[in-house]
Amino acid sequence: MAVNGLGVQAEAIRKKSLRWKSRTSAVRAGYMILLLQSKGLFEKFQKEYWPNYETEGGQKEYRNYYKLVLMTSVLRPEHYYH
């Protein structure tokens, strides 16, 4: 990430306090994906580091990351699984 000038933002995501007791790595991965997308770097990243992104399983994984980001940024903890 630092190579692309995203070191500060990536470090902030790594240190972000989360209300989750589990799946924190997946939540952080979702935030990293959004950061890469916002900077126009996601396609390059996925081709180099996530080759199965183009598969059905990769798309499902992507959607799960995206849902986790939405849930952690919008909902209070009591609404996560309801």
N, C-alpha and C. Protein backbone atom coordinates (compact mmCIF):
# COMPACT_ATOMS: atom_id res chain seq x y z
N MET A 1 0.81 -1.19 0.00
CA MET A 1 0.00 0.00 0.00
C MET A 1 0.86 1.26 0.00
N ALA A 2 1.94 1.22 0.72
CA ALA A 2 2.81 2.40 0.80
C ALA A 2 3.37 2.78 -0.56
N VAL A 3 3.58 1.78 -1.41
CA VAL A 3 4.11 2.02 -2.76
C VAL A 3 3.15 2.93 -3.54
N ASN A 4 1.87 2.79 -3.30
CA ASN A 4 0.86 3.59 -4.00
C ASN A 4 0.49 4.86 -3.26
N GLY A 5 1.23 5.19 -2.21
CA GLY A 5 0.94 6.38 -1.44
C GLY A 5 -0.24 6.23 -0.50
N LEU A 6 -0.59 4.99 -0.18
CA LEU A 6 -1.74 4.74 0.67
C LEU A 6 -1.35 4.25 2.07
N GLY A 7 -0.09 4.38 2.39
CA GLY A 7 0.40 3.86 3.67
C GLY A 7 -0.33 4.41 4.88
N VAL A 8 -0.58 5.72 4.88
CA VAL A 8 -1.24 6.35 6.02
C VAL A 8 -2.66 5.84 6.17
N GLN A 9 -3.39 5.79 5.04
CA GLN A 9 -4.77 5.31 5.09
C GLN A 9 -4.84 3.83 5.46
N ALA A 10 -3.93 3.03 4.91
CA ALA A 10 -3.91 1.60 5.21
C ALA A 10 -3.61 1.37 6.69
N GLU A 11 -2.71 2.14 7.25
CA GLU A 11 -2.37 2.01 8.67
C GLU A 11 -3.57 2.41 9.53
N ALA A 12 -4.31 3.43 9.12
CA ALA A 12 -5.51 3.84 9.86
C ALA A 12 -6.54 2.73 9.87
N ILE A 13 -6.68 2.02 8.75
CA ILE A 13 -7.62 0.90 8.67
C ILE A 13 -7.14 -0.22 9.60
N ARG A 14 -5.85 -0.51 9.59
CA ARG A 14 -5.31 -1.56 10.46
C ARG A 14 -5.56 -1.26 11.94
N LYS A 15 -5.49 0.01 12.30
CA LYS A 15 -5.65 0.40 13.70
C LYS A 15 -7.07 0.77 14.08
N LYS A 16 -7.97 0.77 13.11
CA LYS A 16 -9.36 1.16 13.34
C LYS A 16 -9.99 0.31 14.44
N SER A 17 -10.60 0.97 15.39
CA SER A 17 -11.31 0.29 16.46
C SER A 17 -12.63 -0.22 15.90
N LEU A 18 -12.87 -1.50 16.08
CA LEU A 18 -14.09 -2.12 15.57
C LEU A 18 -14.95 -2.61 16.72
N ARG A 19 -16.25 -2.57 16.51
CA ARG A 19 -17.18 -3.04 17.54
C ARG A 19 -17.38 -4.55 17.47
N TRP A 20 -16.70 -5.20 16.56
CA TRP A 20 -16.87 -6.64 16.36
C TRP A 20 -15.92 -7.40 17.27
N LYS A 21 -16.35 -8.55 17.72
CA LYS A 21 -15.48 -9.41 18.50
C LYS A 21 -14.82 -10.47 17.61
N SER A 22 -15.37 -10.68 16.44
CA SER A 22 -14.81 -11.64 15.49
C SER A 22 -14.89 -11.05 14.09
N ARG A 23 -14.25 -11.69 13.17
CA ARG A 23 -14.25 -11.29 11.75
C ARG A 23 -13.62 -9.93 11.52
N THR A 24 -12.78 -9.48 12.44
CA THR A 24 -12.18 -8.16 12.27
C THR A 24 -11.25 -8.11 11.06
N SER A 25 -10.59 -9.22 10.75
CA SER A 25 -9.72 -9.23 9.57
C SER A 25 -10.54 -9.06 8.29
N ALA A 26 -11.69 -9.69 8.23
CA ALA A 26 -12.56 -9.56 7.05
C ALA A 26 -13.11 -8.15 6.93
N VAL A 27 -13.46 -7.54 8.06
CA VAL A 27 -13.97 -6.17 8.03
C VAL A 27 -12.88 -5.23 7.52
N ARG A 28 -11.67 -5.40 8.05
CA ARG A 28 -10.56 -4.56 7.59
C ARG A 28 -10.26 -4.79 6.11
N ALA A 29 -10.35 -6.03 5.67
CA ALA A 29 -10.14 -6.32 4.24
C ALA A 29 -11.17 -5.57 3.40
N GLY A 30 -12.40 -5.52 3.86
CA GLY A 30 -13.44 -4.78 3.15
C GLY A 30 -13.12 -3.30 3.05
N TYR A 31 -12.64 -2.72 4.13
CA TYR A 31 -12.24 -1.31 4.10
C TYR A 31 -11.06 -1.07 3.16
N MET A 32 -10.13 -2.02 3.12
CA MET A 32 -8.98 -1.89 2.21
C MET A 32 -9.46 -1.94 0.76
N ILE A 33 -10.41 -2.82 0.47
CA ILE A 33 -10.96 -2.90 -0.89
C ILE A 33 -11.59 -1.57 -1.27
N LEU A 34 -12.37 -0.99 -0.37
CA LEU A 34 -12.99 0.31 -0.67
C LEU A 34 -11.95 1.40 -0.88
N LEU A 35 -10.89 1.36 -0.08
CA LEU A 35 -9.81 2.33 -0.26
C LEU A 35 -9.19 2.19 -1.65
N LEU A 36 -8.88 0.96 -2.03
CA LEU A 36 -8.30 0.72 -3.36
C LEU A 36 -9.24 1.16 -4.47
N GLN A 37 -10.53 0.88 -4.32
CA GLN A 37 -11.50 1.31 -5.33
C GLN A 37 -11.57 2.82 -5.42
N SER A 38 -11.53 3.49 -4.28
CA SER A 38 -11.64 4.96 -4.29
C SER A 38 -10.45 5.62 -4.97
N LYS A 39 -9.33 4.93 -5.01
CA LYS A 39 -8.12 5.46 -5.64
C LYS A 39 -7.88 4.90 -7.04
N GLY A 40 -8.84 4.09 -7.53
CA GLY A 40 -8.70 3.52 -8.87
C GLY A 40 -7.64 2.44 -8.97
N LEU A 41 -7.33 1.78 -7.85
CA LEU A 41 -6.27 0.77 -7.82
C LEU A 41 -6.77 -0.65 -7.63
N PHE A 42 -8.09 -0.81 -7.48
CA PHE A 42 -8.60 -2.14 -7.17
C PHE A 42 -8.35 -3.15 -8.29
N GLU A 43 -8.57 -2.76 -9.52
CA GLU A 43 -8.39 -3.69 -10.64
C GLU A 43 -6.96 -4.22 -10.69
N LYS A 44 -6.01 -3.34 -10.52
CA LYS A 44 -4.60 -3.76 -10.51
C LYS A 44 -4.34 -4.71 -9.34
N PHE A 45 -4.87 -4.37 -8.18
CA PHE A 45 -4.70 -5.21 -6.99
C PHE A 45 -5.30 -6.59 -7.22
N GLN A 46 -6.54 -6.63 -7.69
CA GLN A 46 -7.20 -7.92 -7.84
C GLN A 46 -6.52 -8.80 -8.88
N LYS A 47 -5.99 -8.22 -9.92
CA LYS A 47 -5.29 -9.03 -10.92
C LYS A 47 -3.99 -9.60 -10.38
N GLU A 48 -3.32 -8.83 -9.54
CA GLU A 48 -2.03 -9.26 -9.02
C GLU A 48 -2.15 -10.16 -7.78
N TYR A 49 -3.08 -9.83 -6.87
CA TYR A 49 -3.14 -10.52 -5.59
C TYR A 49 -4.41 -11.35 -5.35
N TRP A 50 -5.43 -11.18 -6.19
CA TRP A 50 -6.70 -11.87 -5.96
C TRP A 50 -7.22 -12.42 -7.30
N PRO A 51 -6.47 -13.34 -7.91
CA PRO A 51 -6.84 -13.82 -9.23
C PRO A 51 -8.19 -14.53 -9.29
N ASN A 52 -8.65 -15.10 -8.18
CA ASN A 52 -9.95 -15.77 -8.22
C ASN A 52 -11.12 -14.80 -8.02
N TYR A 53 -10.84 -13.50 -7.98
CA TYR A 53 -11.90 -12.49 -7.87
C TYR A 53 -12.92 -12.65 -9.00
N GLU A 54 -12.45 -13.00 -10.18
CA GLU A 54 -13.33 -13.12 -11.35
C GLU A 54 -14.22 -14.35 -11.30
N THR A 55 -13.98 -15.27 -10.37
CA THR A 55 -14.79 -16.48 -10.28
C THR A 55 -16.05 -16.21 -9.46
N GLU A 56 -16.97 -17.15 -9.50
CA GLU A 56 -18.19 -17.02 -8.71
C GLU A 56 -17.85 -16.94 -7.21
N GLY A 57 -16.91 -17.76 -6.77
CA GLY A 57 -16.50 -17.73 -5.37
C GLY A 57 -15.85 -16.41 -4.98
N GLY A 58 -15.04 -15.87 -5.87
CA GLY A 58 -14.40 -14.59 -5.61
C GLY A 58 -15.40 -13.46 -5.52
N GLN A 59 -16.41 -13.49 -6.38
CA GLN A 59 -17.46 -12.48 -6.35
C GLN A 59 -18.28 -12.57 -5.06
N LYS A 60 -18.53 -13.80 -4.62
CA LYS A 60 -19.25 -13.99 -3.36
C LYS A 60 -18.44 -13.45 -2.20
N GLU A 61 -17.14 -13.73 -2.20
CA GLU A 61 -16.25 -13.22 -1.16
C GLU A 61 -16.25 -11.69 -1.15
N TYR A 62 -16.19 -11.09 -2.33
CA TYR A 62 -16.22 -9.63 -2.46
C TYR A 62 -17.51 -9.07 -1.86
N ARG A 63 -18.64 -9.67 -2.20
CA ARG A 63 -19.93 -9.20 -1.68
C ARG A 63 -19.97 -9.31 -0.15
N ASN A 64 -19.39 -10.38 0.38
CA ASN A 64 -19.35 -10.54 1.84
C ASN A 64 -18.52 -9.44 2.49
N TYR A 65 -17.37 -9.12 1.91
CA TYR A 65 -16.54 -8.02 2.44
C TYR A 65 -17.33 -6.71 2.40
N TYR A 66 -18.01 -6.47 1.29
CA TYR A 66 -18.77 -5.24 1.13
C TYR A 66 -19.88 -5.15 2.17
N LYS A 67 -20.60 -6.24 2.39
CA LYS A 67 -21.67 -6.27 3.40
C LYS A 67 -21.12 -5.97 4.79
N LEU A 68 -19.96 -6.55 5.11
CA LEU A 68 -19.36 -6.30 6.42
C LEU A 68 -19.03 -4.82 6.61
N VAL A 69 -18.53 -4.19 5.57
CA VAL A 69 -18.23 -2.75 5.66
C VAL A 69 -19.52 -1.97 5.89
N LEU A 70 -20.55 -2.30 5.15
CA LEU A 70 -21.82 -1.60 5.32
C LEU A 70 -22.37 -1.80 6.73
N MET A 71 -22.31 -3.02 7.22
CA MET A 71 -22.85 -3.30 8.55
C MET A 71 -22.06 -2.58 9.63
N THR A 72 -20.76 -2.49 9.50
CA THR A 72 -19.97 -1.87 10.55
C THR A 72 -20.01 -0.34 10.47
N SER A 73 -20.31 0.20 9.32
CA SER A 73 -20.30 1.65 9.19
C SER A 73 -21.67 2.27 9.41
N VAL A 74 -22.75 1.48 9.33
CA VAL A 74 -24.08 2.05 9.39
C VAL A 74 -24.89 1.55 10.58
N LEU A 75 -24.77 0.30 10.90
CA LEU A 75 -25.63 -0.30 11.91
C LEU A 75 -25.00 -0.35 13.28
N ARG A 76 -25.82 -0.25 14.28
CA ARG A 76 -25.36 -0.46 15.65
C ARG A 76 -25.23 -1.97 15.87
N PRO A 77 -24.43 -2.40 16.84
CA PRO A 77 -24.17 -3.84 17.04
C PRO A 77 -25.42 -4.70 17.17
N GLU A 78 -26.48 -4.21 17.79
CA GLU A 78 -27.67 -5.05 17.97
C GLU A 78 -28.37 -5.36 16.65
N HIS A 79 -28.02 -4.67 15.57
CA HIS A 79 -28.66 -4.90 14.27
C HIS A 79 -27.81 -5.74 13.32
N TYR A 80 -26.63 -6.16 13.72
CA TYR A 80 -25.72 -6.85 12.80
C TYR A 80 -26.32 -8.11 12.18
N TYR A 81 -26.99 -8.91 12.94
CA TYR A 81 -27.43 -10.20 12.42
C TYR A 81 -28.94 -10.34 12.40
N HIS A 82 -29.64 -9.26 12.42
CA HIS A 82 -31.11 -9.32 12.42
C HIS A 82 -31.66 -8.88 11.09
